[in-house]
Amino acid sequence: LSCDPQPGLILMGDSDSLIRLFVNLLDNAIKFTKCGGVTVTGRSE
C-alpha cells in the first residue's frame, strides 16, 4: 500500500466525511485485491 500525493493539496471541506470517503475506497481496494498492491496518488489540476 503506497501513498504518494503531491504536498500542499489544500481544500475547504469536512474532514470527517473525507476520512470516511477514502477509508471506504481504500478498504474496497484492499478487500478485492488478492495479490499486488494498492496505490494512492494526488495532484492539483
ModelCIF file with pLDDT and N, C-alpha, C, O atoms, coordinates in Angstrom:
data_MODEL
#
_entry.id   MODEL 
#
_entity.id                         1 
_entity.type                       polymer 
_entity.pdbx_number_of_molecules   1 
#
_entity_poly.entity_id                      1 
_entity_poly.type                           'polypeptide(L)' 
_entity_poly.nstd_linkage                   no 
_entity_poly.nstd_monomer                   no 
_entity_poly.pdbx_seq_one_letter_code       LSCDPQPGLILMGDSDSLIRLFVNLLDNAIKFTKCGGVTVTGRSE 
_entity_poly.pdbx_seq_one_letter_code_can   LSCDPQPGLILMGDSDSLIRLFVNLLDNAIKFTKCGGVTVTGRSE 
_entity_poly.pdbx_strand_id                 A 
#
loop_
_entity_poly_seq.entity_id 
_entity_poly_seq.num 
_entity_poly_seq.mon_id 
_entity_poly_seq.hetero 
1 1  LEU n 
1 2  SER n 
1 3  CYS n 
1 4  ASP n 
1 5  PRO n 
1 6  GLN n 
1 7  PRO n 
1 8  GLY n 
1 9  LEU n 
1 10 ILE n 
1 11 LEU n 
1 12 MET n 
1 13 GLY n 
1 14 ASP n 
1 15 SER n 
1 16 ASP n 
1 17 SER n 
1 18 LEU n 
1 19 ILE n 
1 20 ARG n 
1 21 LEU n 
1 22 PHE n 
1 23 VAL n 
1 24 ASN n 
1 25 LEU n 
1 26 LEU n 
1 27 ASP n 
1 28 ASN n 
1 29 ALA n 
1 30 ILE n 
1 31 LYS n 
1 32 PHE n 
1 33 THR n 
1 34 LYS n 
1 35 CYS n 
1 36 GLY n 
1 37 GLY n 
1 38 VAL n 
1 39 THR n 
1 40 VAL n 
1 41 THR n 
1 42 GLY n 
1 43 ARG n 
1 44 SER n 
1 45 GLU n 
#
_struct_asym.id          A 
_struct_asym.entity_id   1 
#
loop_
_ma_qa_metric.id 
_ma_qa_metric.mode 
_ma_qa_metric.name 
_ma_qa_metric.software_group_id 
_ma_qa_metric.type 
1 global pLDDT . pLDDT 
2 local  pLDDT . pLDDT 
#
_ma_qa_metric_global.metric_id      1 
_ma_qa_metric_global.metric_value   91.11 
_ma_qa_metric_global.model_id       1 
_ma_qa_metric_global.ordinal_id     1 
#
loop_
_ma_qa_metric_local.label_asym_id 
_ma_qa_metric_local.label_comp_id 
_ma_qa_metric_local.label_seq_id 
_ma_qa_metric_local.metric_id 
_ma_qa_metric_local.metric_value 
_ma_qa_metric_local.model_id 
_ma_qa_metric_local.ordinal_id 
A LEU 1  2 93.00 1 1  
A SER 2  2 94.00 1 2  
A CYS 3  2 94.00 1 3  
A ASP 4  2 93.00 1 4  
A PRO 5  2 93.00 1 5  
A GLN 6  2 93.00 1 6  
A PRO 7  2 92.00 1 7  
A GLY 8  2 90.00 1 8  
A LEU 9  2 93.00 1 9  
A ILE 10 2 93.00 1 10 
A LEU 11 2 93.00 1 11 
A MET 12 2 91.00 1 12 
A GLY 13 2 90.00 1 13 
A ASP 14 2 87.00 1 14 
A SER 15 2 88.00 1 15 
A ASP 16 2 83.00 1 16 
A SER 17 2 85.00 1 17 
A LEU 18 2 91.00 1 18 
A ILE 19 2 90.00 1 19 
A ARG 20 2 86.00 1 20 
A LEU 21 2 90.00 1 21 
A PHE 22 2 93.00 1 22 
A VAL 23 2 89.00 1 23 
A ASN 24 2 87.00 1 24 
A LEU 25 2 93.00 1 25 
A LEU 26 2 93.00 1 26 
A ASP 27 2 89.00 1 27 
A ASN 28 2 89.00 1 28 
A ALA 29 2 92.00 1 29 
A ILE 30 2 92.00 1 30 
A LYS 31 2 89.00 1 31 
A PHE 32 2 89.00 1 32 
A THR 33 2 91.00 1 33 
A LYS 34 2 90.00 1 34 
A CYS 35 2 91.00 1 35 
A GLY 36 2 92.00 1 36 
A GLY 37 2 93.00 1 37 
A VAL 38 2 95.00 1 38 
A THR 39 2 95.00 1 39 
A VAL 40 2 95.00 1 40 
A THR 41 2 95.00 1 41 
A GLY 42 2 94.00 1 42 
A ARG 43 2 93.00 1 43 
A SER 44 2 92.00 1 44 
A GLU 45 2 87.00 1 45 
#
loop_
_atom_site.group_PDB 
_atom_site.id 
_atom_site.type_symbol 
_atom_site.label_atom_id 
_atom_site.label_alt_id 
_atom_site.label_comp_id 
_atom_site.label_asym_id 
_atom_site.label_entity_id 
_atom_site.label_seq_id 
_atom_site.pdbx_PDB_ins_code 
_atom_site.Cartn_x 
_atom_site.Cartn_y 
_atom_site.Cartn_z 
_atom_site.occupancy 
_atom_site.B_iso_or_equiv 
_atom_site.pdbx_formal_charge 
_atom_site.auth_seq_id 
_atom_site.auth_comp_id 
_atom_site.auth_asym_id 
_atom_site.auth_atom_id 
_atom_site.pdbx_PDB_model_num 
ATOM 1   N N  . LEU A 1 1  ? 0.871   -1.185  0.000   1.00 93.00 ? 1  LEU A N  1 
ATOM 2   C CA . LEU A 1 1  ? 0.000   0.000   0.000   1.00 93.00 ? 1  LEU A CA 1 
ATOM 3   C C  . LEU A 1 1  ? 0.901   1.227   0.000   1.00 93.00 ? 1  LEU A C  1 
ATOM 4   O O  . LEU A 1 1  ? 1.557   1.522   0.999   1.00 93.00 ? 1  LEU A O  1 
ATOM 5   N N  . SER A 1 2  ? 0.932   1.938   -1.119  1.00 94.00 ? 2  SER A N  1 
ATOM 6   C CA . SER A 1 2  ? 1.768   3.137   -1.226  1.00 94.00 ? 2  SER A CA 1 
ATOM 7   C C  . SER A 1 2  ? 0.877   4.361   -1.365  1.00 94.00 ? 2  SER A C  1 
ATOM 8   O O  . SER A 1 2  ? -0.171  4.321   -2.010  1.00 94.00 ? 2  SER A O  1 
ATOM 9   N N  . CYS A 1 3  ? 1.316   5.437   -0.751  1.00 94.00 ? 3  CYS A N  1 
ATOM 10  C CA . CYS A 1 3  ? 0.569   6.712   -0.813  1.00 94.00 ? 3  CYS A CA 1 
ATOM 11  C C  . CYS A 1 3  ? 1.563   7.820   -1.132  1.00 94.00 ? 3  CYS A C  1 
ATOM 12  O O  . CYS A 1 3  ? 2.459   8.098   -0.335  1.00 94.00 ? 3  CYS A O  1 
ATOM 13  N N  . ASP A 1 4  ? 1.411   8.451   -2.289  1.00 93.00 ? 4  ASP A N  1 
ATOM 14  C CA . ASP A 1 4  ? 2.376   9.454   -2.728  1.00 93.00 ? 4  ASP A CA 1 
ATOM 15  C C  . ASP A 1 4  ? 1.653   10.661  -3.355  1.00 93.00 ? 4  ASP A C  1 
ATOM 16  O O  . ASP A 1 4  ? 1.753   10.880  -4.562  1.00 93.00 ? 4  ASP A O  1 
ATOM 17  N N  . PRO A 1 5  ? 0.932   11.434  -2.547  1.00 93.00 ? 5  PRO A N  1 
ATOM 18  C CA . PRO A 1 5  ? 0.270   12.623  -3.089  1.00 93.00 ? 5  PRO A CA 1 
ATOM 19  C C  . PRO A 1 5  ? 1.225   13.804  -3.167  1.00 93.00 ? 5  PRO A C  1 
ATOM 20  O O  . PRO A 1 5  ? 2.216   13.853  -2.439  1.00 93.00 ? 5  PRO A O  1 
ATOM 21  N N  . GLN A 1 6  ? 0.938   14.735  -4.028  1.00 93.00 ? 6  GLN A N  1 
ATOM 22  C CA . GLN A 1 6  ? 1.701   15.983  -4.056  1.00 93.00 ? 6  GLN A CA 1 
ATOM 23  C C  . GLN A 1 6  ? 1.507   16.708  -2.718  1.00 93.00 ? 6  GLN A C  1 
ATOM 24  O O  . GLN A 1 6  ? 0.406   16.713  -2.166  1.00 93.00 ? 6  GLN A O  1 
ATOM 25  N N  . PRO A 1 7  ? 2.564   17.309  -2.209  1.00 92.00 ? 7  PRO A N  1 
ATOM 26  C CA . PRO A 1 7  ? 2.400   18.046  -0.944  1.00 92.00 ? 7  PRO A CA 1 
ATOM 27  C C  . PRO A 1 7  ? 1.593   19.324  -1.167  1.00 92.00 ? 7  PRO A C  1 
ATOM 28  O O  . PRO A 1 7  ? 1.594   19.897  -2.257  1.00 92.00 ? 7  PRO A O  1 
ATOM 29  N N  . GLY A 1 8  ? 0.909   19.752  -0.116  1.00 90.00 ? 8  GLY A N  1 
ATOM 30  C CA . GLY A 1 8  ? 0.196   21.019  -0.147  1.00 90.00 ? 8  GLY A CA 1 
ATOM 31  C C  . GLY A 1 8  ? -1.123  21.005  -0.898  1.00 90.00 ? 8  GLY A C  1 
ATOM 32  O O  . GLY A 1 8  ? -1.525  22.022  -1.464  1.00 90.00 ? 8  GLY A O  1 
ATOM 33  N N  . LEU A 1 9  ? -1.806  19.856  -0.911  1.00 93.00 ? 9  LEU A N  1 
ATOM 34  C CA . LEU A 1 9  ? -3.137  19.792  -1.527  1.00 93.00 ? 9  LEU A CA 1 
ATOM 35  C C  . LEU A 1 9  ? -4.157  20.280  -0.502  1.00 93.00 ? 9  LEU A C  1 
ATOM 36  O O  . LEU A 1 9  ? -4.534  19.544  0.410   1.00 93.00 ? 9  LEU A O  1 
ATOM 37  N N  . ILE A 1 10 ? -4.597  21.523  -0.658  1.00 93.00 ? 10 ILE A N  1 
ATOM 38  C CA . ILE A 1 10 ? -5.474  22.147  0.332   1.00 93.00 ? 10 ILE A CA 1 
ATOM 39  C C  . ILE A 1 10 ? -6.848  22.371  -0.298  1.00 93.00 ? 10 ILE A C  1 
ATOM 40  O O  . ILE A 1 10 ? -6.959  22.787  -1.451  1.00 93.00 ? 10 ILE A O  1 
ATOM 41  N N  . LEU A 1 11 ? -7.894  22.086  0.485   1.00 93.00 ? 11 LEU A N  1 
ATOM 42  C CA . LEU A 1 11 ? -9.255  22.374  0.044   1.00 93.00 ? 11 LEU A CA 1 
ATOM 43  C C  . LEU A 1 11 ? -10.121 22.710  1.248   1.00 93.00 ? 11 LEU A C  1 
ATOM 44  O O  . LEU A 1 11 ? -9.736  22.475  2.394   1.00 93.00 ? 11 LEU A O  1 
ATOM 45  N N  . MET A 1 12 ? -11.295 23.262  0.970   1.00 91.00 ? 12 MET A N  1 
ATOM 46  C CA . MET A 1 12 ? -12.268 23.535  2.023   1.00 91.00 ? 12 MET A CA 1 
ATOM 47  C C  . MET A 1 12 ? -13.275 22.389  2.034   1.00 91.00 ? 12 MET A C  1 
ATOM 48  O O  . MET A 1 12 ? -13.957 22.146  1.038   1.00 91.00 ? 12 MET A O  1 
ATOM 49  N N  . GLY A 1 13 ? -13.367 21.682  3.170   1.00 90.00 ? 13 GLY A N  1 
ATOM 50  C CA . GLY A 1 13 ? -14.280 20.549  3.232   1.00 90.00 ? 13 GLY A CA 1 
ATOM 51  C C  . GLY A 1 13 ? -14.483 20.083  4.654   1.00 90.00 ? 13 GLY A C  1 
ATOM 52  O O  . GLY A 1 13 ? -13.995 20.690  5.607   1.00 90.00 ? 13 GLY A O  1 
ATOM 53  N N  . ASP A 1 14 ? -15.222 18.979  4.775   1.00 87.00 ? 14 ASP A N  1 
ATOM 54  C CA . ASP A 1 14 ? -15.479 18.374  6.077   1.00 87.00 ? 14 ASP A CA 1 
ATOM 55  C C  . ASP A 1 14 ? -14.509 17.202  6.244   1.00 87.00 ? 14 ASP A C  1 
ATOM 56  O O  . ASP A 1 14 ? -14.591 16.215  5.513   1.00 87.00 ? 14 ASP A O  1 
ATOM 57  N N  . SER A 1 15 ? -13.611 17.313  7.187   1.00 88.00 ? 15 SER A N  1 
ATOM 58  C CA . SER A 1 15 ? -12.540 16.317  7.323   1.00 88.00 ? 15 SER A CA 1 
ATOM 59  C C  . SER A 1 15 ? -13.094 14.940  7.684   1.00 88.00 ? 15 SER A C  1 
ATOM 60  O O  . SER A 1 15 ? -12.600 13.935  7.172   1.00 88.00 ? 15 SER A O  1 
ATOM 61  N N  . ASP A 1 16 ? -14.117 14.864  8.560   1.00 83.00 ? 16 ASP A N  1 
ATOM 62  C CA . ASP A 1 16 ? -14.677 13.565  8.941   1.00 83.00 ? 16 ASP A CA 1 
ATOM 63  C C  . ASP A 1 16 ? -15.275 12.856  7.727   1.00 83.00 ? 16 ASP A C  1 
ATOM 64  O O  . ASP A 1 16 ? -15.079 11.655  7.543   1.00 83.00 ? 16 ASP A O  1 
ATOM 65  N N  . SER A 1 17 ? -16.003 13.604  6.905   1.00 85.00 ? 17 SER A N  1 
ATOM 66  C CA . SER A 1 17 ? -16.599 12.989  5.708   1.00 85.00 ? 17 SER A CA 1 
ATOM 67  C C  . SER A 1 17 ? -15.520 12.548  4.729   1.00 85.00 ? 17 SER A C  1 
ATOM 68  O O  . SER A 1 17 ? -15.636 11.484  4.122   1.00 85.00 ? 17 SER A O  1 
ATOM 69  N N  . LEU A 1 18 ? -14.475 13.352  4.569   1.00 91.00 ? 18 LEU A N  1 
ATOM 70  C CA . LEU A 1 18 ? -13.400 12.983  3.653   1.00 91.00 ? 18 LEU A CA 1 
ATOM 71  C C  . LEU A 1 18 ? -12.647 11.749  4.142   1.00 91.00 ? 18 LEU A C  1 
ATOM 72  O O  . LEU A 1 18 ? -12.247 10.905  3.340   1.00 91.00 ? 18 LEU A O  1 
ATOM 73  N N  . ILE A 1 19 ? -12.455 11.644  5.455   1.00 90.00 ? 19 ILE A N  1 
ATOM 74  C CA . ILE A 1 19 ? -11.807 10.425  6.002   1.00 90.00 ? 19 ILE A CA 1 
ATOM 75  C C  . ILE A 1 19 ? -12.683 9.214   5.700   1.00 90.00 ? 19 ILE A C  1 
ATOM 76  O O  . ILE A 1 19 ? -12.173 8.180   5.270   1.00 90.00 ? 19 ILE A O  1 
ATOM 77  N N  . ARG A 1 20 ? -14.001 9.326   5.918   1.00 86.00 ? 20 ARG A N  1 
ATOM 78  C CA . ARG A 1 20 ? -14.910 8.221   5.639   1.00 86.00 ? 20 ARG A CA 1 
ATOM 79  C C  . ARG A 1 20 ? -14.879 7.856   4.157   1.00 86.00 ? 20 ARG A C  1 
ATOM 80  O O  . ARG A 1 20 ? -14.942 6.679   3.800   1.00 86.00 ? 20 ARG A O  1 
ATOM 81  N N  . LEU A 1 21 ? -14.782 8.879   3.289   1.00 90.00 ? 21 LEU A N  1 
ATOM 82  C CA . LEU A 1 21 ? -14.730 8.650   1.849   1.00 90.00 ? 21 LEU A CA 1 
ATOM 83  C C  . LEU A 1 21 ? -13.523 7.779   1.478   1.00 90.00 ? 21 LEU A C  1 
ATOM 84  O O  . LEU A 1 21 ? -13.679 6.746   0.826   1.00 90.00 ? 21 LEU A O  1 
ATOM 85  N N  . PHE A 1 22 ? -12.335 8.192   1.888   1.00 93.00 ? 22 PHE A N  1 
ATOM 86  C CA . PHE A 1 22 ? -11.128 7.475   1.451   1.00 93.00 ? 22 PHE A CA 1 
ATOM 87  C C  . PHE A 1 22 ? -10.924 6.163   2.212   1.00 93.00 ? 22 PHE A C  1 
ATOM 88  O O  . PHE A 1 22 ? -10.276 5.250   1.702   1.00 93.00 ? 22 PHE A O  1 
ATOM 89  N N  . VAL A 1 23 ? -11.471 6.062   3.429   1.00 89.00 ? 23 VAL A N  1 
ATOM 90  C CA . VAL A 1 23 ? -11.440 4.770   4.119   1.00 89.00 ? 23 VAL A CA 1 
ATOM 91  C C  . VAL A 1 23 ? -12.270 3.759   3.342   1.00 89.00 ? 23 VAL A C  1 
ATOM 92  O O  . VAL A 1 23 ? -11.841 2.622   3.148   1.00 89.00 ? 23 VAL A O  1 
ATOM 93  N N  . ASN A 1 24 ? -13.467 4.170   2.893   1.00 87.00 ? 24 ASN A N  1 
ATOM 94  C CA . ASN A 1 24 ? -14.316 3.271   2.108   1.00 87.00 ? 24 ASN A CA 1 
ATOM 95  C C  . ASN A 1 24 ? -13.618 2.825   0.831   1.00 87.00 ? 24 ASN A C  1 
ATOM 96  O O  . ASN A 1 24 ? -13.621 1.642   0.491   1.00 87.00 ? 24 ASN A O  1 
ATOM 97  N N  . LEU A 1 25 ? -13.015 3.792   0.122   1.00 93.00 ? 25 LEU A N  1 
ATOM 98  C CA . LEU A 1 25 ? -12.387 3.469   -1.160  1.00 93.00 ? 25 LEU A CA 1 
ATOM 99  C C  . LEU A 1 25 ? -11.165 2.572   -0.974  1.00 93.00 ? 25 LEU A C  1 
ATOM 100 O O  . LEU A 1 25 ? -10.993 1.602   -1.712  1.00 93.00 ? 25 LEU A O  1 
ATOM 101 N N  . LEU A 1 26 ? -10.318 2.887   0.004   1.00 93.00 ? 26 LEU A N  1 
ATOM 102 C CA . LEU A 1 26 ? -9.141  2.052   0.237   1.00 93.00 ? 26 LEU A CA 1 
ATOM 103 C C  . LEU A 1 26 ? -9.528  0.677   0.765   1.00 93.00 ? 26 LEU A C  1 
ATOM 104 O O  . LEU A 1 26 ? -8.915  -0.325  0.395   1.00 93.00 ? 26 LEU A O  1 
ATOM 105 N N  . ASP A 1 27 ? -10.538 0.622   1.625   1.00 89.00 ? 27 ASP A N  1 
ATOM 106 C CA . ASP A 1 27 ? -10.982 -0.669  2.160   1.00 89.00 ? 27 ASP A CA 1 
ATOM 107 C C  . ASP A 1 27 ? -11.512 -1.558  1.040   1.00 89.00 ? 27 ASP A C  1 
ATOM 108 O O  . ASP A 1 27 ? -11.253 -2.761  1.022   1.00 89.00 ? 27 ASP A O  1 
ATOM 109 N N  . ASN A 1 28 ? -12.260 -0.962  0.100   1.00 89.00 ? 28 ASN A N  1 
ATOM 110 C CA . ASN A 1 28 ? -12.742 -1.736  -1.046  1.00 89.00 ? 28 ASN A CA 1 
ATOM 111 C C  . ASN A 1 28 ? -11.585 -2.244  -1.891  1.00 89.00 ? 28 ASN A C  1 
ATOM 112 O O  . ASN A 1 28 ? -11.562 -3.406  -2.296  1.00 89.00 ? 28 ASN A O  1 
ATOM 113 N N  . ALA A 1 29 ? -10.615 -1.355  -2.156  1.00 92.00 ? 29 ALA A N  1 
ATOM 114 C CA . ALA A 1 29 ? -9.479  -1.738  -2.988  1.00 92.00 ? 29 ALA A CA 1 
ATOM 115 C C  . ALA A 1 29 ? -8.701  -2.891  -2.356  1.00 92.00 ? 29 ALA A C  1 
ATOM 116 O O  . ALA A 1 29 ? -8.306  -3.830  -3.047  1.00 92.00 ? 29 ALA A O  1 
ATOM 117 N N  . ILE A 1 30 ? -8.484  -2.818  -1.052  1.00 92.00 ? 30 ILE A N  1 
ATOM 118 C CA . ILE A 1 30 ? -7.751  -3.894  -0.364  1.00 92.00 ? 30 ILE A CA 1 
ATOM 119 C C  . ILE A 1 30 ? -8.579  -5.176  -0.338  1.00 92.00 ? 30 ILE A C  1 
ATOM 120 O O  . ILE A 1 30 ? -8.045  -6.271  -0.520  1.00 92.00 ? 30 ILE A O  1 
ATOM 121 N N  . LYS A 1 31 ? -9.867  -5.038  -0.114  1.00 89.00 ? 31 LYS A N  1 
ATOM 122 C CA . LYS A 1 31 ? -10.743 -6.205  0.029   1.00 89.00 ? 31 LYS A CA 1 
ATOM 123 C C  . LYS A 1 31 ? -10.788 -7.036  -1.247  1.00 89.00 ? 31 LYS A C  1 
ATOM 124 O O  . LYS A 1 31 ? -10.814 -8.266  -1.185  1.00 89.00 ? 31 LYS A O  1 
ATOM 125 N N  . PHE A 1 32 ? -10.797 -6.371  -2.407  1.00 89.00 ? 32 PHE A N  1 
ATOM 126 C CA . PHE A 1 32 ? -10.974 -7.105  -3.657  1.00 89.00 ? 32 PHE A CA 1 
ATOM 127 C C  . PHE A 1 32 ? -9.651  -7.339  -4.408  1.00 89.00 ? 32 PHE A C  1 
ATOM 128 O O  . PHE A 1 32 ? -9.663  -7.760  -5.565  1.00 89.00 ? 32 PHE A O  1 
ATOM 129 N N  . THR A 1 33 ? -8.537  -7.072  -3.764  1.00 91.00 ? 33 THR A N  1 
ATOM 130 C CA . THR A 1 33 ? -7.235  -7.327  -4.374  1.00 91.00 ? 33 THR A CA 1 
ATOM 131 C C  . THR A 1 33 ? -6.586  -8.524  -3.681  1.00 91.00 ? 33 THR A C  1 
ATOM 132 O O  . THR A 1 33 ? -6.400  -8.522  -2.464  1.00 91.00 ? 33 THR A O  1 
ATOM 133 N N  . LYS A 1 34 ? -6.251  -9.527  -4.453  1.00 90.00 ? 34 LYS A N  1 
ATOM 134 C CA . LYS A 1 34 ? -5.673  -10.748 -3.869  1.00 90.00 ? 34 LYS A CA 1 
ATOM 135 C C  . LYS A 1 34 ? -4.151  -10.748 -3.933  1.00 90.00 ? 34 LYS A C  1 
ATOM 136 O O  . LYS A 1 34 ? -3.498  -11.356 -3.084  1.00 90.00 ? 34 LYS A O  1 
ATOM 137 N N  . CYS A 1 35 ? -3.587  -10.088 -4.907  1.00 91.00 ? 35 CYS A N  1 
ATOM 138 C CA . CYS A 1 35 ? -2.134  -10.014 -4.997  1.00 91.00 ? 35 CYS A CA 1 
ATOM 139 C C  . CYS A 1 35 ? -1.741  -8.691  -5.636  1.00 91.00 ? 35 CYS A C  1 
ATOM 140 O O  . CYS A 1 35 ? -2.536  -8.070  -6.343  1.00 91.00 ? 35 CYS A O  1 
ATOM 141 N N  . GLY A 1 36 ? -0.534  -8.275  -5.387  1.00 92.00 ? 36 GLY A N  1 
ATOM 142 C CA . GLY A 1 36 ? -0.100  -6.995  -5.932  1.00 92.00 ? 36 GLY A CA 1 
ATOM 143 C C  . GLY A 1 36 ? -0.183  -5.920  -4.873  1.00 92.00 ? 36 GLY A C  1 
ATOM 144 O O  . GLY A 1 36 ? 0.420   -6.061  -3.809  1.00 92.00 ? 36 GLY A O  1 
ATOM 145 N N  . GLY A 1 37 ? -0.900  -4.869  -5.129  1.00 93.00 ? 37 GLY A N  1 
ATOM 146 C CA . GLY A 1 37 ? -0.992  -3.783  -4.160  1.00 93.00 ? 37 GLY A CA 1 
ATOM 147 C C  . GLY A 1 37 ? -1.958  -2.695  -4.570  1.00 93.00 ? 37 GLY A C  1 
ATOM 148 O O  . GLY A 1 37 ? -2.632  -2.773  -5.596  1.00 93.00 ? 37 GLY A O  1 
ATOM 149 N N  . VAL A 1 38 ? -1.998  -1.678  -3.730  1.00 95.00 ? 38 VAL A N  1 
ATOM 150 C CA . VAL A 1 38 ? -2.883  -0.526  -3.929  1.00 95.00 ? 38 VAL A CA 1 
ATOM 151 C C  . VAL A 1 38 ? -2.024  0.729   -3.898  1.00 95.00 ? 38 VAL A C  1 
ATOM 152 O O  . VAL A 1 38 ? -1.144  0.873   -3.050  1.00 95.00 ? 38 VAL A O  1 
ATOM 153 N N  . THR A 1 39 ? -2.293  1.644   -4.842  1.00 95.00 ? 39 THR A N  1 
ATOM 154 C CA . THR A 1 39 ? -1.512  2.877   -4.943  1.00 95.00 ? 39 THR A CA 1 
ATOM 155 C C  . THR A 1 39 ? -2.447  4.075   -4.826  1.00 95.00 ? 39 THR A C  1 
ATOM 156 O O  . THR A 1 39 ? -3.498  4.126   -5.465  1.00 95.00 ? 39 THR A O  1 
ATOM 157 N N  . VAL A 1 40 ? -2.044  5.040   -3.997  1.00 95.00 ? 40 VAL A N  1 
ATOM 158 C CA . VAL A 1 40 ? -2.814  6.273   -3.810  1.00 95.00 ? 40 VAL A CA 1 
ATOM 159 C C  . VAL A 1 40 ? -1.961  7.448   -4.264  1.00 95.00 ? 40 VAL A C  1 
ATOM 160 O O  . VAL A 1 40 ? -0.852  7.637   -3.765  1.00 95.00 ? 40 VAL A O  1 
ATOM 161 N N  . THR A 1 41 ? -2.464  8.234   -5.197  1.00 95.00 ? 41 THR A N  1 
ATOM 162 C CA . THR A 1 41 ? -1.766  9.439   -5.661  1.00 95.00 ? 41 THR A CA 1 
ATOM 163 C C  . THR A 1 41 ? -2.745  10.613  -5.624  1.00 95.00 ? 41 THR A C  1 
ATOM 164 O O  . THR A 1 41 ? -3.964  10.449  -5.655  1.00 95.00 ? 41 THR A O  1 
ATOM 165 N N  . GLY A 1 42 ? -2.157  11.788  -5.559  1.00 94.00 ? 42 GLY A N  1 
ATOM 166 C CA . GLY A 1 42 ? -2.975  13.014  -5.575  1.00 94.00 ? 42 GLY A CA 1 
ATOM 167 C C  . GLY A 1 42 ? -2.217  14.139  -6.243  1.00 94.00 ? 42 GLY A C  1 
ATOM 168 O O  . GLY A 1 42 ? -1.002  14.266  -6.086  1.00 94.00 ? 42 GLY A O  1 
ATOM 169 N N  . ARG A 1 43 ? -2.951  14.964  -6.998  1.00 93.00 ? 43 ARG A N  1 
ATOM 170 C CA . ARG A 1 43 ? -2.312  16.072  -7.705  1.00 93.00 ? 43 ARG A CA 1 
ATOM 171 C C  . ARG A 1 43 ? -3.299  17.226  -7.842  1.00 93.00 ? 43 ARG A C  1 
ATOM 172 O O  . ARG A 1 43 ? -4.511  17.064  -7.695  1.00 93.00 ? 43 ARG A O  1 
ATOM 173 N N  . SER A 1 44 ? -2.745  18.373  -8.125  1.00 92.00 ? 44 SER A N  1 
ATOM 174 C CA . SER A 1 44 ? -3.549  19.587  -8.322  1.00 92.00 ? 44 SER A CA 1 
ATOM 175 C C  . SER A 1 44 ? -3.646  19.883  -9.804  1.00 92.00 ? 44 SER A C  1 
ATOM 176 O O  . SER A 1 44 ? -2.643  19.889  -10.518 1.00 92.00 ? 44 SER A O  1 
ATOM 177 N N  . GLU A 1 45 ? -4.875  20.129  -10.263 1.00 87.00 ? 45 GLU A N  1 
ATOM 178 C CA . GLU A 1 45 ? -5.124  20.439  -11.674 1.00 87.00 ? 45 GLU A CA 1 
ATOM 179 C C  . GLU A 1 45 ? -6.078  21.630  -11.749 1.00 87.00 ? 45 GLU A C  1 
ATOM 180 O O  . GLU A 1 45 ? -6.432  22.070  -12.842 1.00 87.00 ? 45 GLU A O  1 
#
